[in-house]
Full PDB file with SEQRES, HELIX, SHEET, SSBOND, CRYST1, ORIGX, SCALE, CONECT and MASTER records, all heavy atoms in Angstrom:
SEQRES   1 A   40  LYS LEU LYS GLN ARG ASP LYS LYS ARG LYS THR ILE GLU          
SEQRES   2 A   40  ASP ILE ILE HIS ASN PHE LEU THR LYS ASN PHE ASN SER          
SEQRES   3 A   40  TYR THR VAL ASP THR GLY ASN ILE PHE GLY TYR TRP LYS          
SEQRES   4 A   40  GLU                                                          
HELIX    1 AA1 ILE A   12  PHE A   24  1                                  13    
CRYST1    1.000    1.000    1.000  90.00  90.00  90.00 P 1           1          
ORIGX1      1.000000  0.000000  0.000000        0.00000                         
ORIGX2      0.000000  1.000000  0.000000        0.00000                         
ORIGX3      0.000000  0.000000  1.000000        0.00000                         
SCALE1      1.000000  0.000000  0.000000        0.00000                         
SCALE2      0.000000  1.000000  0.000000        0.00000                         
SCALE3      0.000000  0.000000  1.000000        0.00000                         
ATOM      1  N   LYS A   1       0.818  -1.219  -0.027  1.00  0.00           N  
ATOM      2  CA  LYS A   1       0.005  -0.009   0.005  1.00  0.00           C  
ATOM      3  C   LYS A   1       0.847   1.301   0.002  1.00  0.00           C  
ATOM      4  O   LYS A   1       0.328   2.363  -0.202  1.00  0.00           O  
ATOM      5  CB  LYS A   1      -0.966  -0.016   1.199  1.00  0.00           C  
ATOM      6  CG  LYS A   1      -2.011  -1.101   1.049  1.00  0.00           C  
ATOM      7  CD  LYS A   1      -3.112  -1.012   1.970  1.00  0.00           C  
ATOM      8  CE  LYS A   1      -4.153  -2.044   1.694  1.00  0.00           C  
ATOM      9  NZ  LYS A   1      -5.366  -1.903   2.530  1.00  0.00           N  
ATOM     10  N   LEU A   2       2.126   1.139   0.189  1.00  0.00           N  
ATOM     11  CA  LEU A   2       3.046   2.329   0.243  1.00  0.00           C  
ATOM     12  C   LEU A   2       3.116   2.999  -1.136  1.00  0.00           C  
ATOM     13  O   LEU A   2       3.430   4.171  -1.232  1.00  0.00           O  
ATOM     14  CB  LEU A   2       4.399   1.947   0.721  1.00  0.00           C  
ATOM     15  CG  LEU A   2       4.472   1.673   2.240  1.00  0.00           C  
ATOM     16  CD1 LEU A   2       5.768   1.028   2.588  1.00  0.00           C  
ATOM     17  CD2 LEU A   2       4.249   2.938   3.018  1.00  0.00           C  
ATOM     18  N   LYS A   3       2.871   2.261  -2.216  1.00  0.00           N  
ATOM     19  CA  LYS A   3       2.936   2.822  -3.580  1.00  0.00           C  
ATOM     20  C   LYS A   3       1.607   3.427  -4.038  1.00  0.00           C  
ATOM     21  O   LYS A   3       1.527   4.030  -5.103  1.00  0.00           O  
ATOM     22  CB  LYS A   3       3.411   1.767  -4.550  1.00  0.00           C  
ATOM     23  CG  LYS A   3       4.780   1.252  -4.258  1.00  0.00           C  
ATOM     24  CD  LYS A   3       5.830   2.360  -4.327  1.00  0.00           C  
ATOM     25  CE  LYS A   3       7.251   1.841  -4.002  1.00  0.00           C  
ATOM     26  NZ  LYS A   3       8.180   2.928  -3.831  1.00  0.00           N  
ATOM     27  N   GLN A   4       0.569   3.274  -3.213  1.00  0.00           N  
ATOM     28  CA  GLN A   4      -0.755   3.851  -3.596  1.00  0.00           C  
ATOM     29  C   GLN A   4      -0.602   5.398  -3.591  1.00  0.00           C  
ATOM     30  O   GLN A   4       0.302   5.943  -2.929  1.00  0.00           O  
ATOM     31  CB  GLN A   4      -1.787   3.462  -2.573  1.00  0.00           C  
ATOM     32  CG  GLN A   4      -2.255   2.057  -2.675  1.00  0.00           C  
ATOM     33  CD  GLN A   4      -3.362   1.756  -1.633  1.00  0.00           C  
ATOM     34  OE1 GLN A   4      -3.808   2.609  -0.915  1.00  0.00           O  
ATOM     35  NE2 GLN A   4      -3.715   0.499  -1.605  1.00  0.00           N  
ATOM     36  N   ARG A   5      -1.493   6.053  -4.264  1.00  0.00           N  
ATOM     37  CA  ARG A   5      -1.416   7.548  -4.398  1.00  0.00           C  
ATOM     38  C   ARG A   5      -2.691   8.159  -3.785  1.00  0.00           C  
ATOM     39  O   ARG A   5      -3.757   7.573  -3.883  1.00  0.00           O  
ATOM     40  CB  ARG A   5      -1.255   7.983  -5.824  1.00  0.00           C  
ATOM     41  CG  ARG A   5       0.106   7.493  -6.376  1.00  0.00           C  
ATOM     42  CD  ARG A   5       0.356   8.007  -7.774  1.00  0.00           C  
ATOM     43  NE  ARG A   5       1.599   7.467  -8.290  1.00  0.00           N  
ATOM     44  CZ  ARG A   5       2.772   8.087  -8.103  1.00  0.00           C  
ATOM     45  NH1 ARG A   5       2.865   9.220  -7.458  1.00  0.00           N  
ATOM     46  NH2 ARG A   5       3.872   7.567  -8.620  1.00  0.00           N  
ATOM     47  N   ASP A   6      -2.523   9.342  -3.216  1.00  0.00           N  
ATOM     48  CA  ASP A   6      -3.641  10.051  -2.696  1.00  0.00           C  
ATOM     49  C   ASP A   6      -4.274  10.904  -3.820  1.00  0.00           C  
ATOM     50  O   ASP A   6      -3.878  10.780  -4.995  1.00  0.00           O  
ATOM     51  CB  ASP A   6      -3.243  10.932  -1.512  1.00  0.00           C  
ATOM     52  CG  ASP A   6      -2.385  12.120  -1.861  1.00  0.00           C  
ATOM     53  OD1 ASP A   6      -1.967  12.244  -3.017  1.00  0.00           O  
ATOM     54  OD2 ASP A   6      -2.082  12.928  -0.965  1.00  0.00           O  
ATOM     55  N   LYS A   7      -5.230  11.729  -3.490  1.00  0.00           N  
ATOM     56  CA  LYS A   7      -5.904  12.521  -4.492  1.00  0.00           C  
ATOM     57  C   LYS A   7      -4.986  13.498  -5.222  1.00  0.00           C  
ATOM     58  O   LYS A   7      -5.230  13.930  -6.314  1.00  0.00           O  
ATOM     59  CB  LYS A   7      -7.071  13.297  -3.854  1.00  0.00           C  
ATOM     60  CG  LYS A   7      -8.210  12.372  -3.437  1.00  0.00           C  
ATOM     61  CD  LYS A   7      -9.316  13.130  -2.782  1.00  0.00           C  
ATOM     62  CE  LYS A   7     -10.361  12.153  -2.271  1.00  0.00           C  
ATOM     63  NZ  LYS A   7     -11.442  12.827  -1.566  1.00  0.00           N  
ATOM     64  N   LYS A   8      -3.894  13.903  -4.536  1.00  0.00           N  
ATOM     65  CA  LYS A   8      -2.908  14.826  -5.082  1.00  0.00           C  
ATOM     66  C   LYS A   8      -1.786  14.093  -5.874  1.00  0.00           C  
ATOM     67  O   LYS A   8      -0.811  14.679  -6.270  1.00  0.00           O  
ATOM     68  CB  LYS A   8      -2.285  15.717  -4.037  1.00  0.00           C  
ATOM     69  CG  LYS A   8      -3.324  16.603  -3.349  1.00  0.00           C  
ATOM     70  CD  LYS A   8      -2.698  17.432  -2.252  1.00  0.00           C  
ATOM     71  CE  LYS A   8      -3.728  18.264  -1.578  1.00  0.00           C  
ATOM     72  NZ  LYS A   8      -3.156  18.966  -0.401  1.00  0.00           N  
ATOM     73  N   ARG A   9      -1.966  12.766  -5.969  1.00  0.00           N  
ATOM     74  CA  ARG A   9      -1.025  11.889  -6.717  1.00  0.00           C  
ATOM     75  C   ARG A   9       0.310  11.657  -5.988  1.00  0.00           C  
ATOM     76  O   ARG A   9       1.278  11.247  -6.587  1.00  0.00           O  
ATOM     77  CB  ARG A   9      -0.767  12.407  -8.151  1.00  0.00           C  
ATOM     78  CG  ARG A   9      -1.983  12.668  -8.999  1.00  0.00           C  
ATOM     79  CD  ARG A   9      -2.803  11.424  -9.331  1.00  0.00           C  
ATOM     80  NE  ARG A   9      -2.018  10.420  -9.993  1.00  0.00           N  
ATOM     81  CZ  ARG A   9      -2.212   9.098  -9.852  1.00  0.00           C  
ATOM     82  NH1 ARG A   9      -3.223   8.701  -9.117  1.00  0.00           N  
ATOM     83  NH2 ARG A   9      -1.497   8.233 -10.491  1.00  0.00           N  
ATOM     84  N   LYS A  10       0.376  11.937  -4.698  1.00  0.00           N  
ATOM     85  CA  LYS A  10       1.549  11.627  -3.895  1.00  0.00           C  
ATOM     86  C   LYS A  10       1.430  10.212  -3.396  1.00  0.00           C  
ATOM     87  O   LYS A  10       0.355   9.770  -3.032  1.00  0.00           O  
ATOM     88  CB  LYS A  10       1.654  12.589  -2.690  1.00  0.00           C  
ATOM     89  CG  LYS A  10       1.964  13.990  -3.026  1.00  0.00           C  
ATOM     90  CD  LYS A  10       2.124  14.814  -1.746  1.00  0.00           C  
ATOM     91  CE  LYS A  10       2.429  16.233  -2.067  1.00  0.00           C  
ATOM     92  NZ  LYS A  10       2.545  17.030  -0.852  1.00  0.00           N  
ATOM     93  N   THR A  11       2.610   9.491  -3.388  1.00  0.00           N  
ATOM     94  CA  THR A  11       2.530   8.145  -2.889  1.00  0.00           C  
ATOM     95  C   THR A  11       2.393   8.197  -1.349  1.00  0.00           C  
ATOM     96  O   THR A  11       2.854   9.139  -0.703  1.00  0.00           O  
ATOM     97  CB  THR A  11       3.822   7.337  -3.280  1.00  0.00           C  
ATOM     98  OG1 THR A  11       4.917   7.934  -2.608  1.00  0.00           O  
ATOM     99  CG2 THR A  11       4.001   7.249  -4.752  1.00  0.00           C  
ATOM    100  N   ILE A  12       1.826   7.132  -0.784  1.00  0.00           N  
ATOM    101  CA  ILE A  12       1.748   7.021   0.691  1.00  0.00           C  
ATOM    102  C   ILE A  12       3.141   7.080   1.285  1.00  0.00           C  
ATOM    103  O   ILE A  12       3.393   7.711   2.300  1.00  0.00           O  
ATOM    104  CB  ILE A  12       0.995   5.752   1.095  1.00  0.00           C  
ATOM    105  CG1 ILE A  12      -0.434   5.756   0.499  1.00  0.00           C  
ATOM    106  CG2 ILE A  12       1.010   5.542   2.618  1.00  0.00           C  
ATOM    107  CD1 ILE A  12      -1.289   6.956   0.927  1.00  0.00           C  
ATOM    108  N   GLU A  13       4.111   6.447   0.618  1.00  0.00           N  
ATOM    109  CA  GLU A  13       5.453   6.447   1.076  1.00  0.00           C  
ATOM    110  C   GLU A  13       6.048   7.843   1.168  1.00  0.00           C  
ATOM    111  O   GLU A  13       6.709   8.212   2.166  1.00  0.00           O  
ATOM    112  CB  GLU A  13       6.325   5.597   0.119  1.00  0.00           C  
ATOM    113  CG  GLU A  13       7.672   5.265   0.570  1.00  0.00           C  
ATOM    114  CD  GLU A  13       8.318   4.197  -0.306  1.00  0.00           C  
ATOM    115  OE1 GLU A  13       7.991   4.098  -1.503  1.00  0.00           O  
ATOM    116  OE2 GLU A  13       9.178   3.487   0.178  1.00  0.00           O  
ATOM    117  N   ASP A  14       5.780   8.677   0.163  1.00  0.00           N  
ATOM    118  CA  ASP A  14       6.222  10.099   0.200  1.00  0.00           C  
ATOM    119  C   ASP A  14       5.521  10.905   1.268  1.00  0.00           C  
ATOM    120  O   ASP A  14       6.149  11.737   1.931  1.00  0.00           O  
ATOM    121  CB  ASP A  14       5.983  10.780  -1.152  1.00  0.00           C  
ATOM    122  CG  ASP A  14       6.994  10.283  -2.221  1.00  0.00           C  
ATOM    123  OD1 ASP A  14       8.046   9.779  -1.857  1.00  0.00           O  
ATOM    124  OD2 ASP A  14       6.671  10.442  -3.416  1.00  0.00           O  
ATOM    125  N   ILE A  15       4.242  10.648   1.458  1.00  0.00           N  
ATOM    126  CA  ILE A  15       3.487  11.356   2.498  1.00  0.00           C  
ATOM    127  C   ILE A  15       4.067  11.035   3.868  1.00  0.00           C  
ATOM    128  O   ILE A  15       4.262  11.957   4.702  1.00  0.00           O  
ATOM    129  CB  ILE A  15       2.013  10.997   2.457  1.00  0.00           C  
ATOM    130  CG1 ILE A  15       1.360  11.492   1.138  1.00  0.00           C  
ATOM    131  CG2 ILE A  15       1.224  11.466   3.638  1.00  0.00           C  
ATOM    132  CD1 ILE A  15      -0.003  10.962   0.819  1.00  0.00           C  
ATOM    133  N   ILE A  16       4.331   9.756   4.125  1.00  0.00           N  
ATOM    134  CA  ILE A  16       4.893   9.392   5.430  1.00  0.00           C  
ATOM    135  C   ILE A  16       6.313  10.001   5.594  1.00  0.00           C  
ATOM    136  O   ILE A  16       6.660  10.567   6.618  1.00  0.00           O  
ATOM    137  CB  ILE A  16       4.982   7.837   5.510  1.00  0.00           C  
ATOM    138  CG1 ILE A  16       3.580   7.278   5.612  1.00  0.00           C  
ATOM    139  CG2 ILE A  16       5.781   7.427   6.783  1.00  0.00           C  
ATOM    140  CD1 ILE A  16       3.456   5.736   5.485  1.00  0.00           C  
ATOM    141  N   HIS A  17       7.142   9.935   4.527  1.00  0.00           N  
ATOM    142  CA  HIS A  17       8.453  10.507   4.613  1.00  0.00           C  
ATOM    143  C   HIS A  17       8.437  12.013   4.898  1.00  0.00           C  
ATOM    144  O   HIS A  17       9.133  12.466   5.838  1.00  0.00           O  
ATOM    145  CB  HIS A  17       9.213  10.279   3.282  1.00  0.00           C  
ATOM    146  CG  HIS A  17      10.513  11.070   3.175  1.00  0.00           C  
ATOM    147  ND1 HIS A  17      11.652  10.657   3.747  1.00  0.00           N  
ATOM    148  CD2 HIS A  17      10.775  12.277   2.545  1.00  0.00           C  
ATOM    149  CE1 HIS A  17      12.596  11.583   3.530  1.00  0.00           C  
ATOM    150  NE2 HIS A  17      12.100  12.540   2.821  1.00  0.00           N  
ATOM    151  N   ASN A  18       7.586  12.698   4.224  1.00  0.00           N  
ATOM    152  CA  ASN A  18       7.521  14.184   4.446  1.00  0.00           C  
ATOM    153  C   ASN A  18       7.017  14.520   5.836  1.00  0.00           C  
ATOM    154  O   ASN A  18       7.547  15.388   6.501  1.00  0.00           O  
ATOM    155  CB  ASN A  18       6.617  14.824   3.370  1.00  0.00           C  
ATOM    156  CG  ASN A  18       7.212  14.787   1.995  1.00  0.00           C  
ATOM    157  OD1 ASN A  18       8.428  14.685   1.817  1.00  0.00           O  
ATOM    158  ND2 ASN A  18       6.366  14.799   0.951  1.00  0.00           N  
ATOM    159  N   PHE A  19       6.047  13.769   6.335  1.00  0.00           N  
ATOM    160  CA  PHE A  19       5.505  14.041   7.655  1.00  0.00           C  
ATOM    161  C   PHE A  19       6.552  13.721   8.769  1.00  0.00           C  
ATOM    162  O   PHE A  19       6.741  14.550   9.652  1.00  0.00           O  
ATOM    163  CB  PHE A  19       4.276  13.182   7.899  1.00  0.00           C  
ATOM    164  CG  PHE A  19       3.775  13.265   9.314  1.00  0.00           C  
ATOM    165  CD1 PHE A  19       2.969  14.318   9.744  1.00  0.00           C  
ATOM    166  CD2 PHE A  19       4.128  12.300  10.290  1.00  0.00           C  
ATOM    167  CE1 PHE A  19       2.525  14.408  11.040  1.00  0.00           C  
ATOM    168  CE2 PHE A  19       3.716  12.387  11.579  1.00  0.00           C  
ATOM    169  CZ  PHE A  19       2.912  13.462  11.960  1.00  0.00           C  
ATOM    170  N   LEU A  20       7.237  12.611   8.627  1.00  0.00           N  
ATOM    171  CA  LEU A  20       8.185  12.194   9.670  1.00  0.00           C  
ATOM    172  C   LEU A  20       9.396  13.097   9.721  1.00  0.00           C  
ATOM    173  O   LEU A  20       9.882  13.449  10.771  1.00  0.00           O  
ATOM    174  CB  LEU A  20       8.590  10.720   9.488  1.00  0.00           C  
ATOM    175  CG  LEU A  20       7.447   9.736   9.708  1.00  0.00           C  
ATOM    176  CD1 LEU A  20       7.963   8.281   9.485  1.00  0.00           C  
ATOM    177  CD2 LEU A  20       6.849   9.824  11.123  1.00  0.00           C  
ATOM    178  N   THR A  21       9.893  13.498   8.529  1.00  0.00           N  
ATOM    179  CA  THR A  21      11.053  14.375   8.545  1.00  0.00           C  
ATOM    180  C   THR A  21      10.703  15.786   8.995  1.00  0.00           C  
ATOM    181  O   THR A  21      11.503  16.420   9.701  1.00  0.00           O  
ATOM    182  CB  THR A  21      11.735  14.450   7.149  1.00  0.00           C  
ATOM    183  OG1 THR A  21      10.789  14.835   6.176  1.00  0.00           O  
ATOM    184  CG2 THR A  21      12.369  13.137   6.785  1.00  0.00           C  
ATOM    185  N   LYS A  22       9.478  16.202   8.719  1.00  0.00           N  
ATOM    186  CA  LYS A  22       9.069  17.556   9.142  1.00  0.00           C  
ATOM    187  C   LYS A  22       8.784  17.582  10.651  1.00  0.00           C  
ATOM    188  O   LYS A  22       9.162  18.531  11.389  1.00  0.00           O  
ATOM    189  CB  LYS A  22       7.787  17.986   8.417  1.00  0.00           C  
ATOM    190  CG  LYS A  22       7.217  19.269   8.880  1.00  0.00           C  
ATOM    191  CD  LYS A  22       5.917  19.631   8.152  1.00  0.00           C  
ATOM    192  CE  LYS A  22       5.343  20.890   8.748  1.00  0.00           C  
ATOM    193  NZ  LYS A  22       4.008  21.197   8.256  1.00  0.00           N  
ATOM    194  N   ASN A  23       8.111  16.573  11.188  1.00  0.00           N  
ATOM    195  CA  ASN A  23       7.695  16.545  12.592  1.00  0.00           C  
ATOM    196  C   ASN A  23       8.632  15.890  13.577  1.00  0.00           C  
ATOM    197  O   ASN A  23       8.549  16.130  14.769  1.00  0.00           O  
ATOM    198  CB  ASN A  23       6.299  15.896  12.700  1.00  0.00           C  
ATOM    199  CG  ASN A  23       5.221  16.740  12.097  1.00  0.00           C  
ATOM    200  OD1 ASN A  23       4.764  17.700  12.719  1.00  0.00           O  
ATOM    201  ND2 ASN A  23       4.871  16.469  10.810  1.00  0.00           N  
ATOM    202  N   PHE A  24       9.511  15.023  13.081  1.00  0.00           N  
ATOM    203  CA  PHE A  24      10.424  14.243  13.960  1.00  0.00           C  
ATOM    204  C   PHE A  24      11.849  14.348  13.575  1.00  0.00           C  
ATOM    205  O   PHE A  24      12.761  13.779  14.201  1.00  0.00           O  
ATOM    206  CB  PHE A  24      10.006  12.771  14.046  1.00  0.00           C  
ATOM    207  CG  PHE A  24       8.635  12.597  14.609  1.00  0.00           C  
ATOM    208  CD1 PHE A  24       7.507  12.595  13.773  1.00  0.00           C  
ATOM    209  CD2 PHE A  24       8.447  12.471  15.974  1.00  0.00           C  
ATOM    210  CE1 PHE A  24       6.210  12.392  14.356  1.00  0.00           C  
ATOM    211  CE2 PHE A  24       7.190  12.291  16.522  1.00  0.00           C  
ATOM    212  CZ  PHE A  24       6.078  12.283  15.694  1.00  0.00           C  
ATOM    213  N   ASN A  25      12.139  15.044  12.450  1.00  0.00           N  
ATOM    214  CA  ASN A  25      13.521  15.279  11.952  1.00  0.00           C  
ATOM    215  C   ASN A  25      14.192  14.054  11.372  1.00  0.00           C  
ATOM    216  O   ASN A  25      15.071  14.192  10.549  1.00  0.00           O  
ATOM    217  CB  ASN A  25      14.420  15.949  12.952  1.00  0.00           C  
ATOM    218  CG  ASN A  25      13.932  17.304  13.395  1.00  0.00           C  
ATOM    219  OD1 ASN A  25      13.403  18.086  12.571  1.00  0.00           O  
ATOM    220  ND2 ASN A  25      13.993  17.623  14.644  1.00  0.00           N  
ATOM    221  N   SER A  26      13.823  12.893  11.801  1.00  0.00           N  
ATOM    222  CA  SER A  26      14.406  11.669  11.258  1.00  0.00           C  
ATOM    223  C   SER A  26      13.558  10.474  11.582  1.00  0.00           C  
ATOM    224  O   SER A  26      12.637  10.534  12.380  1.00  0.00           O  
ATOM    225  CB  SER A  26      15.817  11.440  11.890  1.00  0.00           C  
ATOM    226  OG  SER A  26      15.634  11.244  13.301  1.00  0.00           O  
ATOM    227  N   TYR A  27      13.820   9.357  10.877  1.00  0.00           N  
ATOM    228  CA  TYR A  27      13.102   8.113  11.126  1.00  0.00           C  
ATOM    229  C   TYR A  27      13.887   6.984  10.480  1.00  0.00           C  
ATOM    230  O   TYR A  27      14.802   7.243   9.683  1.00  0.00           O  
ATOM    231  CB  TYR A  27      11.671   8.152  10.541  1.00  0.00           C  
ATOM    232  CG  TYR A  27      11.580   8.155   9.068  1.00  0.00           C  
ATOM    233  CD1 TYR A  27      11.378   7.020   8.317  1.00  0.00           C  
ATOM    234  CD2 TYR A  27      11.702   9.360   8.320  1.00  0.00           C  
ATOM    235  CE1 TYR A  27      11.264   7.028   6.920  1.00  0.00           C  
ATOM    236  CE2 TYR A  27      11.612   9.403   6.977  1.00  0.00           C  
ATOM    237  CZ  TYR A  27      11.403   8.223   6.269  1.00  0.00           C  
ATOM    238  OH  TYR A  27      11.278   8.248   4.908  1.00  0.00           O  
ATOM    239  N   THR A  28      13.600   5.788  10.805  1.00  0.00           N  
ATOM    240  CA  THR A  28      14.162   4.618  10.133  1.00  0.00           C  
ATOM    241  C   THR A  28      13.028   3.736   9.582  1.00  0.00           C  
ATOM    242  O   THR A  28      11.888   3.806  10.083  1.00  0.00           O  
ATOM    243  CB  THR A  28      15.075   3.818  11.075  1.00  0.00           C  
ATOM    244  OG1 THR A  28      14.275   3.330  12.155  1.00  0.00           O  
ATOM    245  CG2 THR A  28      16.206   4.623  11.574  1.00  0.00           C  
ATOM    246  N   VAL A  29      13.347   2.958   8.601  1.00  0.00           N  
ATOM    247  CA  VAL A  29      12.382   1.989   8.016  1.00  0.00           C  
ATOM    248  C   VAL A  29      13.068   0.643   7.920  1.00  0.00           C  
ATOM    249  O   VAL A  29      14.170   0.548   7.422  1.00  0.00           O  
ATOM    250  CB  VAL A  29      11.962   2.431   6.578  1.00  0.00           C  
ATOM    251  CG1 VAL A  29      10.945   1.468   5.993  1.00  0.00           C  
ATOM    252  CG2 VAL A  29      11.378   3.828   6.617  1.00  0.00           C  
ATOM    253  N   ASP A  30      12.402  -0.347   8.407  1.00  0.00           N  
ATOM    254  CA  ASP A  30      12.830  -1.753   8.296  1.00  0.00           C  
ATOM    255  C   ASP A  30      12.050  -2.425   7.201  1.00  0.00           C  
ATOM    256  O   ASP A  30      10.833  -2.327   7.172  1.00  0.00           O  
ATOM    257  CB  ASP A  30      12.680  -2.514   9.593  1.00  0.00           C  
ATOM    258  CG  ASP A  30      13.514  -1.969  10.726  1.00  0.00           C  
ATOM    259  OD1 ASP A  30      14.660  -1.598  10.437  1.00  0.00           O  
ATOM    260  OD2 ASP A  30      13.037  -1.881  11.851  1.00  0.00           O  
ATOM    261  N   THR A  31      12.744  -3.125   6.292  1.00  0.00           N  
ATOM    262  CA  THR A  31      12.041  -3.906   5.286  1.00  0.00           C  
ATOM    263  C   THR A  31      12.549  -5.341   5.429  1.00  0.00           C  
ATOM    264  O   THR A  31      13.528  -5.606   6.155  1.00  0.00           O  
ATOM    265  CB  THR A  31      12.348  -3.382   3.887  1.00  0.00           C  
ATOM    266  OG1 THR A  31      13.745  -3.471   3.678  1.00  0.00           O  
ATOM    267  CG2 THR A  31      11.857  -1.975   3.691  1.00  0.00           C  
ATOM    268  N   GLY A  32      11.913  -6.233   4.820  1.00  0.00           N  
ATOM    269  CA  GLY A  32      12.307  -7.643   4.870  1.00  0.00           C  
ATOM    270  C   GLY A  32      11.164  -8.500   5.263  1.00  0.00           C  
ATOM    271  O   GLY A  32      10.033  -8.243   4.858  1.00  0.00           O  
ATOM    272  N   ASN A  33      11.433  -9.467   6.096  1.00  0.00           N  
ATOM    273  CA  ASN A  33      10.439 -10.413   6.519  1.00  0.00           C  
ATOM    274  C   ASN A  33       9.692  -9.916   7.715  1.00  0.00           C  
ATOM    275  O   ASN A  33       9.855 -10.412   8.836  1.00  0.00           O  
ATOM    276  CB  ASN A  33      11.042 -11.757   6.778  1.00  0.00           C  
ATOM    277  CG  ASN A  33      11.666 -12.334   5.526  1.00  0.00           C  
ATOM    278  OD1 ASN A  33      11.132 -12.141   4.452  1.00  0.00           O  
ATOM    279  ND2 ASN A  33      12.779 -13.048   5.652  1.00  0.00           N  
ATOM    280  N   ILE A  34       8.817  -8.941   7.543  1.00  0.00           N  
ATOM    281  CA  ILE A  34       7.996  -8.371   8.627  1.00  0.00           C  
ATOM    282  C   ILE A  34       6.579  -8.758   8.332  1.00  0.00           C  
ATOM    283  O   ILE A  34       5.910  -8.147   7.448  1.00  0.00           O  
ATOM    284  CB  ILE A  34       8.167  -6.864   8.736  1.00  0.00           C  
ATOM    285  CG1 ILE A  34       9.625  -6.492   8.910  1.00  0.00           C  
ATOM    286  CG2 ILE A  34       7.319  -6.360   9.906  1.00  0.00           C  
ATOM    287  CD1 ILE A  34       9.926  -5.037   8.792  1.00  0.00           C  
ATOM    288  N   PHE A  35       6.078  -9.804   8.965  1.00  0.00           N  
ATOM    289  CA  PHE A  35       4.756 -10.349   8.690  1.00  0.00           C  
ATOM    290  C   PHE A  35       3.830 -10.051   9.874  1.00  0.00           C  
ATOM    291  O   PHE A  35       4.307 -10.002  11.025  1.00  0.00           O  
ATOM    292  CB  PHE A  35       4.773 -11.849   8.475  1.00  0.00           C  
ATOM    293  CG  PHE A  35       5.758 -12.313   7.420  1.00  0.00           C  
ATOM    294  CD1 PHE A  35       6.827 -13.103   7.740  1.00  0.00           C  
ATOM    295  CD2 PHE A  35       5.562 -11.905   6.107  1.00  0.00           C  
ATOM    296  CE1 PHE A  35       7.714 -13.526   6.791  1.00  0.00           C  
ATOM    297  CE2 PHE A  35       6.471 -12.285   5.131  1.00  0.00           C  
ATOM    298  CZ  PHE A  35       7.539 -13.122   5.478  1.00  0.00           C  
ATOM    299  N   GLY A  36       2.590  -9.821   9.581  1.00  0.00           N  
ATOM    300  CA  GLY A  36       1.588  -9.667  10.636  1.00  0.00           C  
ATOM    301  C   GLY A  36       0.420 -10.648  10.427  1.00  0.00           C  
ATOM    302  O   GLY A  36       0.005 -10.885   9.334  1.00  0.00           O  
ATOM    303  N   TYR A  37       0.033 -11.222  11.550  1.00  0.00           N  
ATOM    304  CA  TYR A  37      -1.105 -12.155  11.576  1.00  0.00           C  
ATOM    305  C   TYR A  37      -2.095 -11.700  12.569  1.00  0.00           C  
ATOM    306  O   TYR A  37      -1.696 -11.214  13.661  1.00  0.00           O  
ATOM    307  CB  TYR A  37      -0.663 -13.585  11.932  1.00  0.00           C  
ATOM    308  CG  TYR A  37       0.308 -14.202  10.904  1.00  0.00           C  
ATOM    309  CD1 TYR A  37       1.668 -14.022  11.049  1.00  0.00           C  
ATOM    310  CD2 TYR A  37      -0.198 -14.977   9.872  1.00  0.00           C  
ATOM    311  CE1 TYR A  37       2.538 -14.599  10.145  1.00  0.00           C  
ATOM    312  CE2 TYR A  37       0.702 -15.525   8.991  1.00  0.00           C  
ATOM    313  CZ  TYR A  37       2.049 -15.387   9.078  1.00  0.00           C  
ATOM    314  OH  TYR A  37       2.907 -15.946   8.230  1.00  0.00           O  
ATOM    315  N   TRP A  38      -3.356 -11.781  12.317  1.00  0.00           N  
ATOM    316  CA  TRP A  38      -4.417 -11.470  13.289  1.00  0.00           C  
ATOM    317  C   TRP A  38      -5.730 -12.132  12.873  1.00  0.00           C  
ATOM    318  O   TRP A  38      -5.868 -12.573  11.753  1.00  0.00           O  
ATOM    319  CB  TRP A  38      -4.595  -9.926  13.426  1.00  0.00           C  
ATOM    320  CG  TRP A  38      -5.062  -9.298  12.124  1.00  0.00           C  
ATOM    321  CD1 TRP A  38      -6.354  -8.939  11.812  1.00  0.00           C  
ATOM    322  CD2 TRP A  38      -4.253  -8.891  11.012  1.00  0.00           C  
ATOM    323  NE1 TRP A  38      -6.392  -8.404  10.529  1.00  0.00           N  
ATOM    324  CE2 TRP A  38      -5.132  -8.352  10.058  1.00  0.00           C  
ATOM    325  CE3 TRP A  38      -2.913  -8.940  10.738  1.00  0.00           C  
ATOM    326  CZ2 TRP A  38      -4.687  -7.859   8.816  1.00  0.00           C  
ATOM    327  CZ3 TRP A  38      -2.444  -8.466   9.513  1.00  0.00           C  
ATOM    328  CH2 TRP A  38      -3.314  -7.907   8.580  1.00  0.00           C  
ATOM    329  N   LYS A  39      -6.645 -12.221  13.789  1.00  0.00           N  
ATOM    330  CA  LYS A  39      -7.942 -12.762  13.461  1.00  0.00           C  
ATOM    331  C   LYS A  39      -8.946 -11.668  13.454  1.00  0.00           C  
ATOM    332  O   LYS A  39      -9.003 -10.773  14.285  1.00  0.00           O  
ATOM    333  CB  LYS A  39      -8.334 -13.797  14.535  1.00  0.00           C  
ATOM    334  CG  LYS A  39      -7.683 -15.115  14.376  1.00  0.00           C  
ATOM    335  CD  LYS A  39      -8.420 -16.205  15.098  1.00  0.00           C  
ATOM    336  CE  LYS A  39      -7.839 -17.545  14.658  1.00  0.00           C  
ATOM    337  NZ  LYS A  39      -8.594 -18.638  15.190  1.00  0.00           N  
ATOM    338  N   GLU A  40      -9.821 -11.733  12.417  1.00  0.00           N  
ATOM    339  CA  GLU A  40     -10.897 -10.748  12.243  1.00  0.00           C  
ATOM    340  C   GLU A  40     -12.122 -11.557  11.810  1.00  0.00           C  
ATOM    341  O   GLU A  40     -12.118 -12.279  10.811  1.00  0.00           O  
ATOM    342  CB  GLU A  40     -10.539  -9.708  11.221  1.00  0.00           C  
ATOM    343  CG  GLU A  40     -11.505  -8.588  11.181  1.00  0.00           C  
ATOM    344  CD  GLU A  40     -10.944  -7.408  10.395  1.00  0.00           C  
ATOM    345  OE1 GLU A  40      -9.822  -7.072  10.532  1.00  0.00           O  
ATOM    346  OE2 GLU A  40     -11.818  -6.856   9.644  1.00  0.00           O  
TER     347      GLU A  40                                                      
MASTER        0    0    0    1    0    0    0    6  346    1    0    4          
END                                                                             
């Protein structure tokens, strides 16, 4: 879902990046085998 775009055509990934750097000055991202399981 990070490659999805909002109404202004920005990717979710870019929106998150811009917000975190503006409000927290830095962040890290982990990629790889990060799986989530839950019951609904």
